[in-house]
Amino acid sequence: QVQLVESGGGLVQAGGSLRLSCAASGRTFSSYAMGWFRQAPGKEREFVAAINYIGSSRTYADTLKGRFTISRDNAKNTLYLQMNSLKPEDTAVYYCAACRTRSIATMVYDYAYWGQGTQVTVSS
């Protein structure tokens, strides 16, 4: 089992920045690739970014490249998502998730463990 707790969400104006954190406990954090997903009201959960187990490889949703950066600190059992130049359409609940494998994955069903989510609201 892996327990995941997100933090860092909040209300920000368009153009602003937020840094989300995801603290992991339980089984070895460094054994898992990790990802961020988001879900807006009335929409399906969508992929945001993923990073492999040692942080040497990353991938992003095409529409978010250049604005979001995923990183991890295995010594601190923590995953991060730096979000810059935020837009109102970035408003959603953001979830961190632990993958079933060490390699990057982009589909919801590839992830075995999920946090409770943190709300990000971007005002125009």
Protein backbone atom coordinates (compact mmCIF):
# COMPACT_ATOMS: atom_id res chain seq x y z
CA GLN A 1 0.00 0.00 0.00
CA VAL A 2 1.04 3.56 -0.70
CA GLN A 3 -0.66 6.51 0.96
CA LEU A 4 -0.57 9.79 -0.93
CA VAL A 5 -1.48 13.23 0.39
CA GLU A 6 -1.56 16.28 -1.88
CA SER A 7 -1.14 19.86 -0.76
CA GLY A 8 -0.48 23.29 -2.22
CA GLY A 9 -3.71 23.93 -4.06
CA GLY A 10 -5.64 27.16 -3.74
CA LEU A 11 -7.00 30.21 -5.49
CA VAL A 12 -4.71 32.10 -7.84
CA GLN A 13 -5.17 34.75 -10.51
CA ALA A 14 -4.59 33.98 -14.16
CA GLY A 15 -0.89 34.20 -14.95
CA GLY A 16 0.09 33.17 -11.46
CA SER A 17 1.92 30.10 -10.19
CA LEU A 18 1.34 27.29 -7.73
CA ARG A 19 3.46 24.40 -6.56
CA LEU A 20 1.68 21.22 -5.62
CA SER A 21 3.26 18.61 -3.37
CA CYS A 22 2.38 14.98 -2.83
CA ALA A 23 3.73 13.27 0.28
CA ALA A 24 3.98 9.49 0.07
CA SER A 25 4.14 6.93 2.84
CA GLY A 26 3.95 3.19 3.01
CA ARG A 27 5.81 1.07 0.51
CA THR A 28 9.00 2.39 -1.08
CA PHE A 29 8.23 5.59 -2.95
CA SER A 30 11.25 5.22 -5.20
CA SER A 31 9.90 1.94 -6.60
CA TYR A 32 7.09 3.67 -8.47
CA ALA A 33 6.70 5.94 -11.41
CA MET A 34 4.41 8.79 -10.35
CA GLY A 35 1.90 10.98 -12.08
CA TRP A 36 -0.37 13.97 -11.77
CA PHE A 37 -3.90 13.99 -13.11
CA ARG A 38 -6.70 16.53 -12.89
CA GLN A 39 -10.46 16.52 -13.06
CA ALA A 40 -12.67 19.50 -13.75
CA PRO A 41 -16.39 19.51 -12.89
CA GLY A 42 -18.37 17.45 -15.37
CA LYS A 43 -15.24 16.18 -17.11
CA GLU A 44 -13.24 12.99 -17.04
CA ARG A 45 -9.99 12.71 -15.16
CA GLU A 46 -7.14 13.66 -17.48
CA PHE A 47 -3.41 13.10 -17.55
CA VAL A 48 -1.18 16.04 -16.63
CA ALA A 49 2.38 14.75 -16.18
CA ALA A 50 4.38 11.69 -15.19
CA ILE A 51 7.89 10.90 -14.03
CA ASN A 52 9.74 7.62 -13.83
CA TYR A 53 10.92 6.07 -10.58
CA ILE A 54 14.31 7.82 -10.43
CA GLY A 55 13.25 11.08 -12.02
CA SER A 56 15.33 10.70 -15.17
CA SER A 57 12.40 10.75 -17.57
CA ARG A 58 9.27 12.91 -17.71
CA THR A 59 6.31 13.36 -19.98
CA TYR A 60 3.52 15.92 -20.13
CA ALA A 61 0.14 16.40 -21.70
CA ASP A 62 0.78 18.22 -24.97
CA THR A 63 -1.34 21.21 -24.00
CA LEU A 64 0.64 21.75 -20.80
CA LYS A 65 4.20 21.53 -22.04
CA GLY A 66 6.27 24.52 -21.11
CA ARG A 67 4.01 25.64 -18.27
CA PHE A 68 4.06 22.67 -15.88
CA THR A 69 7.06 20.84 -14.45
CA ILE A 70 6.95 17.54 -12.59
CA SER A 71 9.74 16.52 -10.23
CA ARG A 72 10.36 14.19 -7.35
CA ASP A 73 12.61 13.94 -4.32
CA ASN A 74 12.97 10.29 -3.41
CA ALA A 75 14.89 11.14 -0.24
CA LYS A 76 11.84 13.08 0.96
CA ASN A 77 9.22 10.71 -0.51
CA THR A 78 7.65 13.69 -2.23
CA LEU A 79 6.34 14.44 -5.71
CA TYR A 80 5.94 17.99 -7.01
CA LEU A 81 4.12 19.83 -9.74
CA GLN A 82 5.22 23.38 -10.51
CA MET A 83 2.50 25.19 -12.42
CA ASN A 84 3.26 28.52 -14.09
CA SER A 85 1.26 30.91 -16.27
CA LEU A 86 -1.94 29.43 -14.95
CA LYS A 87 -5.14 29.84 -16.93
CA PRO A 88 -8.80 29.63 -15.86
CA GLU A 89 -9.07 26.36 -17.79
CA ASP A 90 -6.50 24.85 -15.42
CA THR A 91 -9.13 24.96 -12.68
CA ALA A 92 -9.65 21.40 -11.43
CA VAL A 93 -8.99 18.98 -8.61
CA TYR A 94 -5.42 17.75 -9.00
CA TYR A 95 -4.52 14.20 -7.99
CA CYS A 96 -1.19 12.51 -7.56
CA ALA A 97 -0.95 8.82 -8.25
CA ALA A 98 1.54 5.98 -7.94
CA CYS A 99 1.99 3.83 -11.02
CA ARG A 100 1.96 0.03 -11.07
CA THR A 101 5.43 0.04 -12.61
CA ARG A 102 8.69 2.00 -12.60
CA SER A 103 8.17 3.30 -16.14
CA ILE A 104 6.17 6.34 -17.18
CA ALA A 105 2.49 5.81 -17.88
CA THR A 106 -0.24 8.20 -18.97
CA MET A 107 -3.48 6.29 -18.52
CA VAL A 108 -5.62 6.32 -15.39
CA TYR A 109 -5.77 2.52 -15.29
CA ASP A 110 -1.96 2.32 -15.11
CA TYR A 111 -2.06 3.82 -11.62
CA ALA A 112 -2.74 1.77 -8.52
CA TYR A 113 -2.77 4.34 -5.73
CA TRP A 114 -4.36 7.79 -5.60
CA GLY A 115 -4.39 10.74 -3.27
CA GLN A 116 -7.54 12.56 -2.22
CA GLY A 117 -6.89 15.52 -4.49
CA THR A 118 -6.27 19.23 -4.00
CA GLN A 119 -8.39 21.99 -5.51
CA VAL A 120 -6.78 24.51 -7.85
CA THR A 121 -8.89 27.48 -8.87
CA VAL A 122 -7.64 30.06 -11.35
CA SER A 123 -9.60 33.28 -11.57
CA SER A 124 -9.69 35.43 -14.69
